[in-house]
Every structure is written in structure tokens, then in C-alpha cells.
Amino acid sequence: MLPIGPLMIEHRFIERMIQIMKVQLEKIQTESKADSSQIERIIRFIKGYADRCHHGKEEEILFRELGRKNISPEHKQTMEELVEDHKLGRKITMSLLEANQKYQQGEVGALSVIAAGLRSLIEFYPKHIQKEDRDFFIPVMGYFSQEEKEAMIREGYESDSQLFHQEHEKLITELNMRKPSSR
């Protein structure tokens, strides 16, 4: 397997979430209300999976290793665009998070910002994924030896394992903070 294999599999999960976002956006447009808890789950997925896990591996492993290579100006430019895309995705997600919090507090006007955020992510991710899958991932594999590819795969699995443990440690900490008072 190539180190881009797991990244491309992760893209398929993100595409599935895009379909869920479309359903939520349609619901907002037809019912003039948002399911705040569903929006919260979407945000959690985008922040935790798409950005922290997926984009994290791209930036911290693949892009780092490409930065050590003498890559073509075209690939270097594409890699820089992808990093900027990641920053844009984070910005859109933060805007969606803030709008959802305001909506939960009763600010009806935040609904249009939620809709705009969902629409932006729905437009953003397919283009971003296509750029990576079609134009970038496969061609840049040629810069690496088999040993380097295997090392990146191992590092990706280790990154996922650490993230898995961090997320569950965070959950336990949050649950411990919610202990009912003893009587």
C-alpha cells in the first residue's frame, strides 16, 4: 500500500459527511431551522477527523517529507495551495461553530451563517479532495523510495493510534468533570 492509500480512504469518509451536510442544508432551507445537535456533530467530525486526523497526517507526514525533497515547482505550488485550503477549511468550520453556538443561544440570525458555512464546506471539500486525489497524491509518490513510503505508512498508523488514545483520554476527563455531587 502507498502512504496515500489511507488518505484516499479518509476522503471517502469525508465525502459521506458532505452528503449529510447537504441533508442538513436542505432542512435549513425548507424548514427555516437547524438541528443544532446535528450541526455540532458535523463540526466535531470536520474538526476531529477531516482536519486533525486527515489534514494532520497530510501536513505533518506527507508534506513534511515532500519538503525534504527536490520537488517540481508545480508540485511545490500545489502543496502550498493545499495547505492554504486546509487553513480555509478551518476558518469556515470555526465560523460554523460560532454561528451554531449563537443559534443555540437563540440568535435566529445565525441560521443564515450556519447555512452559508455548510454551503461553503459542501463546495470546498469535493474540489479539495479532487485536487489531492487526481492531481497531487499519485504523482508525488514518485519522489519516495519504497522504504520511505513504508516509513510514512507506519508513521500514519502511529499518528492515528495516538489520536485515538488522546480522544478517549479527553472523553474520560470530560466525563470525570461531570461527576454528580455526592449526597
N, C-alpha and C. Protein backbone atom coordinates (compact mmCIF):
# COMPACT_ATOMS: atom_id res chain seq x y z
N MET A 1 0.84 -1.18 0.00
CA MET A 1 0.00 0.00 0.00
C MET A 1 0.89 1.24 0.00
N LEU A 2 0.42 2.26 -0.67
CA LEU A 2 1.11 3.54 -0.67
C LEU A 2 0.64 4.38 0.52
N PRO A 3 1.46 5.32 1.00
CA PRO A 3 1.05 6.16 2.12
C PRO A 3 -0.18 7.01 1.81
N ILE A 4 -0.48 7.18 0.53
CA ILE A 4 -1.67 7.95 0.17
C ILE A 4 -2.94 7.10 0.23
N GLY A 5 -2.79 5.78 0.31
CA GLY A 5 -3.95 4.89 0.38
C GLY A 5 -4.87 5.24 1.55
N PRO A 6 -4.35 5.27 2.78
CA PRO A 6 -5.21 5.64 3.90
C PRO A 6 -5.80 7.05 3.75
N LEU A 7 -5.05 7.97 3.19
CA LEU A 7 -5.56 9.34 3.00
C LEU A 7 -6.72 9.34 2.02
N MET A 8 -6.63 8.54 0.97
CA MET A 8 -7.72 8.48 -0.01
C MET A 8 -8.95 7.78 0.57
N ILE A 9 -8.73 6.79 1.43
CA ILE A 9 -9.85 6.15 2.12
C ILE A 9 -10.54 7.17 3.02
N GLU A 10 -9.75 7.99 3.71
CA GLU A 10 -10.31 9.03 4.57
C GLU A 10 -11.14 10.02 3.74
N HIS A 11 -10.72 10.28 2.52
CA HIS A 11 -11.50 11.16 1.64
C HIS A 11 -12.90 10.61 1.43
N ARG A 12 -13.02 9.29 1.31
CA ARG A 12 -14.34 8.70 1.10
C ARG A 12 -15.26 8.95 2.31
N PHE A 13 -14.69 8.91 3.51
CA PHE A 13 -15.48 9.22 4.71
C PHE A 13 -15.90 10.68 4.71
N ILE A 14 -15.01 11.55 4.33
CA ILE A 14 -15.33 12.98 4.28
C ILE A 14 -16.43 13.22 3.25
N GLU A 15 -16.37 12.53 2.12
CA GLU A 15 -17.42 12.66 1.11
C GLU A 15 -18.77 12.20 1.65
N ARG A 16 -18.76 11.17 2.49
CA ARG A 16 -20.02 10.73 3.10
C ARG A 16 -20.57 11.80 4.03
N MET A 17 -19.69 12.48 4.75
CA MET A 17 -20.14 13.56 5.62
C MET A 17 -20.68 14.72 4.80
N ILE A 18 -20.12 14.97 3.64
CA ILE A 18 -20.63 16.03 2.76
C ILE A 18 -22.10 15.75 2.42
N GLN A 19 -22.44 14.49 2.18
CA GLN A 19 -23.83 14.14 1.88
C GLN A 19 -24.73 14.45 3.08
N ILE A 20 -24.24 14.20 4.27
CA ILE A 20 -25.00 14.52 5.48
C ILE A 20 -25.18 16.03 5.61
N MET A 21 -24.14 16.77 5.28
CA MET A 21 -24.22 18.24 5.31
C MET A 21 -25.28 18.74 4.33
N LYS A 22 -25.34 18.11 3.17
CA LYS A 22 -26.34 18.52 2.17
C LYS A 22 -27.75 18.33 2.71
N VAL A 23 -27.98 17.23 3.41
CA VAL A 23 -29.29 16.98 4.01
C VAL A 23 -29.60 18.06 5.04
N GLN A 24 -28.63 18.41 5.87
CA GLN A 24 -28.85 19.44 6.88
C GLN A 24 -29.10 20.80 6.24
N LEU A 25 -28.37 21.12 5.18
CA LEU A 25 -28.58 22.39 4.50
C LEU A 25 -29.97 22.46 3.88
N GLU A 26 -30.39 21.36 3.27
CA GLU A 26 -31.73 21.31 2.68
C GLU A 26 -32.80 21.49 3.76
N LYS A 27 -32.57 20.88 4.91
CA LYS A 27 -33.51 21.00 6.02
C LYS A 27 -33.61 22.47 6.47
N ILE A 28 -32.49 23.14 6.54
CA ILE A 28 -32.48 24.55 6.93
C ILE A 28 -33.25 25.37 5.90
N GLN A 29 -33.03 25.07 4.64
CA GLN A 29 -33.67 25.84 3.57
C GLN A 29 -35.18 25.60 3.51
N THR A 30 -35.62 24.39 3.82
CA THR A 30 -37.05 24.09 3.71
C THR A 30 -37.82 24.37 5.00
N GLU A 31 -37.16 24.20 6.15
CA GLU A 31 -37.85 24.35 7.43
C GLU A 31 -37.50 25.63 8.17
N SER A 32 -36.52 26.37 7.67
CA SER A 32 -36.05 27.60 8.32
C SER A 32 -35.66 27.38 9.77
N LYS A 33 -35.05 26.23 10.03
CA LYS A 33 -34.49 25.95 11.34
C LYS A 33 -33.38 24.90 11.18
N ALA A 34 -32.47 24.91 12.15
CA ALA A 34 -31.34 23.97 12.11
C ALA A 34 -31.46 22.98 13.25
N ASP A 35 -30.97 21.78 13.01
CA ASP A 35 -30.83 20.80 14.08
C ASP A 35 -29.45 21.03 14.68
N SER A 36 -29.42 21.83 15.72
CA SER A 36 -28.17 22.28 16.31
C SER A 36 -27.27 21.12 16.75
N SER A 37 -27.85 20.06 17.26
CA SER A 37 -27.04 18.93 17.70
C SER A 37 -26.40 18.21 16.50
N GLN A 38 -27.11 18.15 15.38
CA GLN A 38 -26.53 17.55 14.17
C GLN A 38 -25.40 18.44 13.63
N ILE A 39 -25.61 19.73 13.66
CA ILE A 39 -24.56 20.66 13.21
C ILE A 39 -23.34 20.50 14.10
N GLU A 40 -23.58 20.35 15.38
CA GLU A 40 -22.48 20.14 16.34
C GLU A 40 -21.70 18.87 16.00
N ARG A 41 -22.39 17.81 15.65
CA ARG A 41 -21.73 16.54 15.28
C ARG A 41 -20.93 16.70 13.99
N ILE A 42 -21.49 17.42 13.04
CA ILE A 42 -20.77 17.69 11.78
C ILE A 42 -19.48 18.44 12.08
N ILE A 43 -19.58 19.47 12.90
CA ILE A 43 -18.39 20.26 13.26
C ILE A 43 -17.37 19.38 13.96
N ARG A 44 -17.82 18.54 14.88
CA ARG A 44 -16.90 17.64 15.59
C ARG A 44 -16.19 16.72 14.60
N PHE A 45 -16.92 16.22 13.61
CA PHE A 45 -16.31 15.36 12.59
C PHE A 45 -15.28 16.15 11.77
N ILE A 46 -15.65 17.33 11.32
CA ILE A 46 -14.73 18.12 10.49
C ILE A 46 -13.48 18.49 11.28
N LYS A 47 -13.67 18.95 12.51
CA LYS A 47 -12.51 19.34 13.31
C LYS A 47 -11.65 18.14 13.69
N GLY A 48 -12.28 17.08 14.16
CA GLY A 48 -11.53 15.94 14.66
C GLY A 48 -11.00 15.01 13.59
N TYR A 49 -11.86 14.68 12.63
CA TYR A 49 -11.46 13.70 11.62
C TYR A 49 -10.83 14.37 10.40
N ALA A 50 -11.60 15.24 9.75
CA ALA A 50 -11.11 15.83 8.50
C ALA A 50 -9.88 16.68 8.73
N ASP A 51 -9.90 17.49 9.78
CA ASP A 51 -8.77 18.39 9.97
C ASP A 51 -7.67 17.78 10.83
N ARG A 52 -8.00 17.42 12.05
CA ARG A 52 -6.94 16.96 12.95
C ARG A 52 -6.31 15.65 12.50
N CYS A 53 -7.13 14.68 12.17
CA CYS A 53 -6.61 13.37 11.75
C CYS A 53 -6.10 13.40 10.31
N HIS A 54 -6.98 13.75 9.38
CA HIS A 54 -6.65 13.66 7.96
C HIS A 54 -5.66 14.74 7.52
N HIS A 55 -6.04 16.01 7.69
CA HIS A 55 -5.13 17.09 7.28
C HIS A 55 -3.85 17.06 8.11
N GLY A 56 -3.98 16.62 9.36
CA GLY A 56 -2.79 16.50 10.20
C GLY A 56 -1.77 15.55 9.60
N LYS A 57 -2.23 14.40 9.13
CA LYS A 57 -1.29 13.45 8.51
C LYS A 57 -0.72 14.00 7.22
N GLU A 58 -1.56 14.68 6.46
CA GLU A 58 -1.04 15.27 5.21
C GLU A 58 0.07 16.25 5.51
N GLU A 59 -0.20 17.18 6.43
CA GLU A 59 0.76 18.24 6.71
C GLU A 59 1.97 17.73 7.49
N GLU A 60 1.72 16.92 8.51
CA GLU A 60 2.79 16.51 9.42
C GLU A 60 3.62 15.33 8.92
N ILE A 61 3.12 14.63 7.93
CA ILE A 61 3.88 13.49 7.41
C ILE A 61 4.20 13.70 5.93
N LEU A 62 3.18 13.66 5.08
CA LEU A 62 3.41 13.72 3.63
C LEU A 62 4.07 15.04 3.21
N PHE A 63 3.49 16.17 3.61
CA PHE A 63 4.03 17.46 3.18
C PHE A 63 5.41 17.70 3.80
N ARG A 64 5.57 17.28 5.05
CA ARG A 64 6.89 17.41 5.70
C ARG A 64 7.95 16.65 4.90
N GLU A 65 7.62 15.42 4.53
CA GLU A 65 8.58 14.60 3.78
C GLU A 65 8.81 15.17 2.38
N LEU A 66 7.77 15.67 1.75
CA LEU A 66 7.95 16.30 0.43
C LEU A 66 8.82 17.55 0.55
N GLY A 67 8.72 18.25 1.67
CA GLY A 67 9.54 19.43 1.90
C GLY A 67 11.02 19.12 1.96
N ARG A 68 11.36 17.89 2.20
CA ARG A 68 12.76 17.45 2.26
C ARG A 68 13.28 17.01 0.89
N LYS A 69 12.37 16.97 -0.08
CA LYS A 69 12.73 16.52 -1.42
C LYS A 69 12.86 17.71 -2.36
N ASN A 70 13.53 17.48 -3.46
CA ASN A 70 13.65 18.49 -4.51
C ASN A 70 12.47 18.26 -5.47
N ILE A 71 11.31 18.78 -5.09
CA ILE A 71 10.11 18.54 -5.89
C ILE A 71 9.96 19.64 -6.95
N SER A 72 9.20 19.34 -7.96
CA SER A 72 9.00 20.29 -9.06
C SER A 72 8.28 21.55 -8.55
N PRO A 73 8.51 22.67 -9.22
CA PRO A 73 7.79 23.90 -8.83
C PRO A 73 6.28 23.72 -8.86
N GLU A 74 5.77 22.94 -9.80
CA GLU A 74 4.33 22.68 -9.90
C GLU A 74 3.82 21.95 -8.66
N HIS A 75 4.55 20.91 -8.23
CA HIS A 75 4.13 20.17 -7.04
C HIS A 75 4.27 21.01 -5.78
N LYS A 76 5.32 21.83 -5.73
CA LYS A 76 5.51 22.72 -4.58
C LYS A 76 4.36 23.71 -4.50
N GLN A 77 3.96 24.27 -5.62
CA GLN A 77 2.85 25.22 -5.64
C GLN A 77 1.55 24.54 -5.23
N THR A 78 1.31 23.34 -5.73
CA THR A 78 0.09 22.61 -5.36
C THR A 78 0.09 22.31 -3.87
N MET A 79 1.23 21.91 -3.33
CA MET A 79 1.31 21.61 -1.90
C MET A 79 1.00 22.87 -1.08
N GLU A 80 1.52 24.00 -1.49
CA GLU A 80 1.24 25.27 -0.80
C GLU A 80 -0.24 25.62 -0.89
N GLU A 81 -0.85 25.37 -2.04
CA GLU A 81 -2.29 25.61 -2.20
C GLU A 81 -3.10 24.71 -1.28
N LEU A 82 -2.67 23.46 -1.14
CA LEU A 82 -3.38 22.52 -0.27
C LEU A 82 -3.30 22.96 1.19
N VAL A 83 -2.15 23.46 1.61
CA VAL A 83 -2.02 23.97 2.98
C VAL A 83 -2.96 25.16 3.18
N GLU A 84 -3.03 26.04 2.19
CA GLU A 84 -3.95 27.18 2.27
C GLU A 84 -5.40 26.71 2.29
N ASP A 85 -5.69 25.66 1.52
CA ASP A 85 -7.04 25.07 1.55
C ASP A 85 -7.39 24.59 2.96
N HIS A 86 -6.42 23.94 3.61
CA HIS A 86 -6.66 23.45 4.97
C HIS A 86 -6.98 24.61 5.91
N LYS A 87 -6.24 25.70 5.76
CA LYS A 87 -6.49 26.88 6.59
C LYS A 87 -7.89 27.44 6.33
N LEU A 88 -8.29 27.46 5.07
CA LEU A 88 -9.62 27.94 4.72
C LEU A 88 -10.69 27.03 5.32
N GLY A 89 -10.49 25.72 5.23
CA GLY A 89 -11.44 24.78 5.83
C GLY A 89 -11.59 25.01 7.32
N ARG A 90 -10.47 25.30 8.00
CA ARG A 90 -10.52 25.58 9.45
C ARG A 90 -11.30 26.86 9.72
N LYS A 91 -11.08 27.85 8.89
CA LYS A 91 -11.76 29.14 9.07
C LYS A 91 -13.28 28.98 8.88
N ILE A 92 -13.67 28.26 7.85
CA ILE A 92 -15.10 28.03 7.60
C ILE A 92 -15.72 27.26 8.77
N THR A 93 -15.00 26.23 9.25
CA THR A 93 -15.50 25.41 10.35
C THR A 93 -15.65 26.23 11.62
N MET A 94 -14.70 27.11 11.90
CA MET A 94 -14.81 27.96 13.09
C MET A 94 -16.00 28.90 12.98
N SER A 95 -16.23 29.43 11.80
CA SER A 95 -17.39 30.30 11.58
C SER A 95 -18.68 29.53 11.81
N LEU A 96 -18.72 28.29 11.32
CA LEU A 96 -19.89 27.43 11.52
C LEU A 96 -20.08 27.13 13.01
N LEU A 97 -19.02 26.85 13.71
CA LEU A 97 -19.08 26.58 15.14
C LEU A 97 -19.64 27.79 15.90
N GLU A 98 -19.10 28.96 15.61
CA GLU A 98 -19.57 30.18 16.29
C GLU A 98 -21.04 30.45 15.98
N ALA A 99 -21.43 30.27 14.72
CA ALA A 99 -22.83 30.50 14.34
C ALA A 99 -23.75 29.51 15.04
N ASN A 100 -23.33 28.26 15.13
CA ASN A 100 -24.15 27.25 15.80
C ASN A 100 -24.31 27.57 17.29
N GLN A 101 -23.24 28.04 17.92
CA GLN A 101 -23.33 28.43 19.33
C GLN A 101 -24.31 29.60 19.51
N LYS A 102 -24.23 30.57 18.61
CA LYS A 102 -25.15 31.71 18.68
C LYS A 102 -26.59 31.25 18.45
N TYR A 103 -26.76 30.34 17.51
CA TYR A 103 -28.10 29.81 17.23
C TYR A 103 -28.65 29.09 18.46
N GLN A 104 -27.80 28.32 19.13
CA GLN A 104 -28.21 27.61 20.35
C GLN A 104 -28.62 28.59 21.45
N GLN A 105 -28.05 29.79 21.41
CA GLN A 105 -28.37 30.82 22.41
C GLN A 105 -29.57 31.66 21.99
N GLY A 106 -30.19 31.28 20.87
CA GLY A 106 -31.42 31.94 20.46
C GLY A 106 -31.28 33.01 19.40
N GLU A 107 -30.08 33.20 18.87
CA GLU A 107 -29.89 34.19 17.80
C GLU A 107 -30.36 33.59 16.48
N VAL A 108 -31.57 33.95 16.07
CA VAL A 108 -32.17 33.41 14.86
C VAL A 108 -31.35 33.80 13.62
N GLY A 109 -30.74 34.98 13.64
CA GLY A 109 -29.94 35.44 12.50
C GLY A 109 -28.74 34.56 12.20
N ALA A 110 -28.32 33.77 13.19
CA ALA A 110 -27.18 32.88 12.98
C ALA A 110 -27.51 31.74 12.02
N LEU A 111 -28.80 31.50 11.79
CA LEU A 111 -29.21 30.43 10.89
C LEU A 111 -28.64 30.63 9.49
N SER A 112 -28.65 31.86 9.00
CA SER A 112 -28.12 32.12 7.65
C SER A 112 -26.60 31.89 7.61
N VAL A 113 -25.91 32.14 8.71
CA VAL A 113 -24.47 31.90 8.77
C VAL A 113 -24.19 30.40 8.81
N ILE A 114 -25.04 29.66 9.51
CA ILE A 114 -24.91 28.19 9.52
C ILE A 114 -25.10 27.66 8.10
N ALA A 115 -26.14 28.13 7.43
CA ALA A 115 -26.40 27.68 6.05
C ALA A 115 -25.22 28.03 5.15
N ALA A 116 -24.69 29.23 5.29
CA ALA A 116 -23.54 29.65 4.46
C ALA A 116 -22.32 28.79 4.76
N GLY A 117 -22.10 28.47 6.04
CA GLY A 117 -20.96 27.63 6.41
C GLY A 117 -21.08 26.23 5.83
N LEU A 118 -22.26 25.65 5.94
CA LEU A 118 -22.48 24.32 5.35
C LEU A 118 -22.27 24.36 3.85
N ARG A 119 -22.86 25.37 3.21
CA ARG A 119 -22.73 25.51 1.75
C ARG A 119 -21.25 25.63 1.36
N SER A 120 -20.49 26.41 2.12
CA SER A 120 -19.07 26.60 1.82
C SER A 120 -18.30 25.29 1.95
N LEU A 121 -18.58 24.52 3.01
CA LEU A 121 -17.89 23.24 3.17
C LEU A 121 -18.29 22.24 2.09
N ILE A 122 -19.57 22.27 1.72
CA ILE A 122 -20.07 21.38 0.66
C ILE A 122 -19.39 21.69 -0.67
N GLU A 123 -19.12 22.95 -0.93
CA GLU A 123 -18.42 23.35 -2.15
C GLU A 123 -16.92 23.12 -2.04
N PHE A 124 -16.37 23.36 -0.87
CA PHE A 124 -14.92 23.30 -0.65
C PHE A 124 -14.36 21.89 -0.75
N TYR A 125 -14.91 20.98 0.05
CA TYR A 125 -14.27 19.66 0.17
C TYR A 125 -14.19 18.86 -1.12
N PRO A 126 -15.23 18.77 -1.93
CA PRO A 126 -15.08 17.98 -3.17
C PRO A 126 -13.96 18.50 -4.08
N LYS A 127 -13.84 19.81 -4.20
CA LYS A 127 -12.77 20.37 -5.04
C LYS A 127 -11.40 20.07 -4.44
N HIS A 128 -11.31 20.23 -3.14
CA HIS A 128 -10.05 19.97 -2.44
C HIS A 128 -9.65 18.49 -2.58
N ILE A 129 -10.59 17.62 -2.35
CA ILE A 129 -10.33 16.19 -2.46
C ILE A 129 -9.92 15.82 -3.88
N GLN A 130 -10.61 16.37 -4.85
CA GLN A 130 -10.27 16.07 -6.24
C GLN A 130 -8.85 16.54 -6.57
N LYS A 131 -8.48 17.70 -6.08
CA LYS A 131 -7.13 18.22 -6.33
C LYS A 131 -6.09 17.26 -5.74
N GLU A 132 -6.35 16.76 -4.54
CA GLU A 132 -5.39 15.85 -3.92
C GLU A 132 -5.38 14.50 -4.63
N ASP A 133 -6.56 13.90 -4.78
CA ASP A 133 -6.64 12.55 -5.37
C ASP A 133 -6.14 12.51 -6.81
N ARG A 134 -6.58 13.44 -7.61
CA ARG A 134 -6.31 13.38 -9.05
C ARG A 134 -4.99 14.03 -9.44
N ASP A 135 -4.71 15.19 -8.84
CA ASP A 135 -3.58 15.99 -9.34
C ASP A 135 -2.31 15.89 -8.51
N PHE A 136 -2.40 15.40 -7.28
CA PHE A 136 -1.25 15.53 -6.40
C PHE A 136 -0.73 14.21 -5.82
N PHE A 137 -1.60 13.48 -5.15
CA PHE A 137 -1.14 12.32 -4.39
C PHE A 137 -0.34 11.32 -5.22
N ILE A 138 -0.91 10.86 -6.30
CA ILE A 138 -0.23 9.82 -7.09
C ILE A 138 1.08 10.32 -7.69
N PRO A 139 1.10 11.51 -8.33
CA PRO A 139 2.36 11.96 -8.90
C PRO A 139 3.50 12.14 -7.89
N VAL A 140 3.19 12.60 -6.67
CA VAL A 140 4.27 12.86 -5.72
C VAL A 140 4.84 11.59 -5.09
N MET A 141 4.18 10.48 -5.25
CA MET A 141 4.73 9.22 -4.72
C MET A 141 6.04 8.86 -5.40
N GLY A 142 6.24 9.37 -6.63
CA GLY A 142 7.46 9.09 -7.36
C GLY A 142 8.71 9.67 -6.71
N TYR A 143 8.56 10.57 -5.78
CA TYR A 143 9.72 11.18 -5.11
C TYR A 143 10.28 10.28 -4.00
N PHE A 144 9.55 9.22 -3.65
CA PHE A 144 9.92 8.43 -2.48
C PHE A 144 10.36 7.02 -2.84
N SER A 145 11.31 6.51 -2.08
CA SER A 145 11.72 5.11 -2.21
C SER A 145 10.66 4.25 -1.51
N GLN A 146 10.74 2.96 -1.74
CA GLN A 146 9.81 2.03 -1.09
C GLN A 146 9.95 2.12 0.43
N GLU A 147 11.20 2.22 0.91
CA GLU A 147 11.43 2.31 2.36
C GLU A 147 10.81 3.58 2.93
N GLU A 148 10.92 4.68 2.22
CA GLU A 148 10.33 5.94 2.69
C GLU A 148 8.80 5.85 2.72
N LYS A 149 8.24 5.21 1.72
CA LYS A 149 6.78 5.03 1.68
C LYS A 149 6.32 4.19 2.86
N GLU A 150 7.03 3.11 3.14
CA GLU A 150 6.67 2.25 4.26
C GLU A 150 6.79 2.98 5.59
N ALA A 151 7.82 3.81 5.72
CA ALA A 151 8.01 4.59 6.95
C ALA A 151 6.85 5.58 7.14
N MET A 152 6.39 6.19 6.06
CA MET A 152 5.26 7.13 6.16
C MET A 152 3.98 6.39 6.54
N ILE A 153 3.78 5.20 6.01
CA ILE A 153 2.60 4.41 6.38
C ILE A 153 2.63 4.10 7.87
N ARG A 154 3.79 3.65 8.37
CA ARG A 154 3.92 3.34 9.79
C ARG A 154 3.66 4.60 10.64
N GLU A 155 4.21 5.71 10.22
CA GLU A 155 4.01 6.96 10.98
C GLU A 155 2.54 7.37 10.96
N GLY A 156 1.86 7.17 9.85
CA GLY A 156 0.44 7.48 9.77
C GLY A 156 -0.38 6.63 10.71
N TYR A 157 -0.07 5.33 10.78
CA TYR A 157 -0.78 4.45 11.71
C TYR A 157 -0.49 4.84 13.16
N GLU A 158 0.75 5.20 13.44
CA GLU A 158 1.11 5.64 14.79
C GLU A 158 0.37 6.93 15.15
N SER A 159 0.28 7.84 14.19
CA SER A 159 -0.45 9.09 14.41
C SER A 159 -1.91 8.81 14.72
N ASP A 160 -2.53 7.92 13.97
CA ASP A 160 -3.93 7.55 14.22
C ASP A 160 -4.09 6.94 15.60
N SER A 161 -3.16 6.08 15.98
CA SER A 161 -3.22 5.42 17.28
C SER A 161 -3.12 6.44 18.41
N GLN A 162 -2.20 7.38 18.29
CA GLN A 162 -2.05 8.41 19.31
C GLN A 162 -3.31 9.28 19.39
N LEU A 163 -3.85 9.63 18.24
CA LEU A 163 -5.06 10.45 18.21
C LEU A 163 -6.22 9.71 18.85
N PHE A 164 -6.34 8.44 18.56
CA PHE A 164 -7.39 7.61 19.14
C PHE A 164 -7.30 7.64 20.67
N HIS A 165 -6.09 7.47 21.20
CA HIS A 165 -5.91 7.47 22.64
C HIS A 165 -6.14 8.86 23.24
N GLN A 166 -5.71 9.90 22.55
CA GLN A 166 -5.93 11.28 23.02
C GLN A 166 -7.41 11.60 23.09
N GLU A 167 -8.16 11.19 22.09
CA GLU A 167 -9.59 11.47 22.06
C GLU A 167 -10.31 10.77 23.20
N HIS A 168 -9.94 9.54 23.47
CA HIS A 168 -10.60 8.81 24.54
C HIS A 168 -10.16 9.30 25.91
N GLU A 169 -8.92 9.72 26.03
CA GLU A 169 -8.47 10.32 27.28
C GLU A 169 -9.24 11.62 27.54
N LYS A 170 -9.43 12.41 26.50
CA LYS A 170 -10.21 13.65 26.61
C LYS A 170 -11.65 13.33 27.05
N LEU A 171 -12.24 12.31 26.47
CA LEU A 171 -13.60 11.92 26.82
C LEU A 171 -13.70 11.53 28.29
N ILE A 172 -12.74 10.74 28.77
CA ILE A 172 -12.73 10.32 30.17
C ILE A 172 -12.60 11.54 31.08
N THR A 173 -11.72 12.46 30.72
CA THR A 173 -11.54 13.68 31.50
C THR A 173 -12.84 14.48 31.56
N GLU A 174 -13.49 14.63 30.40
CA GLU A 174 -14.76 15.37 30.36
C GLU A 174 -15.83 14.68 31.21
N LEU A 175 -15.89 13.36 31.13
CA LEU A 175 -16.89 12.63 31.91
C LEU A 175 -16.60 12.71 33.41
N ASN A 176 -15.32 12.69 33.78
CA ASN A 176 -14.96 12.83 35.19
C ASN A 176 -15.34 14.21 35.73
N MET A 177 -15.30 15.21 34.89
CA MET A 177 -15.66 16.56 35.30
C MET A 177 -17.16 16.69 35.55
N ARG A 178 -17.94 15.75 35.01
CA ARG A 178 -19.40 15.79 35.12
C ARG A 178 -19.92 14.89 36.25
N LYS A 179 -19.03 14.47 37.13
CA LYS A 179 -19.46 13.59 38.22
C LYS A 179 -20.58 14.26 39.01
N PRO A 180 -21.61 13.48 39.30
CA PRO A 180 -22.69 14.05 40.13
C PRO A 180 -22.16 14.28 41.54
N SER A 181 -22.67 15.30 42.18
CA SER A 181 -22.24 15.58 43.55
C SER A 181 -22.77 14.49 44.47
N SER A 182 -21.95 14.09 45.42
CA SER A 182 -22.38 13.05 46.34
C SER A 182 -23.23 13.67 47.45
N ARG A 183 -24.20 12.93 47.90
CA ARG A 183 -25.12 13.45 48.93
C ARG A 183 -24.90 12.77 50.22
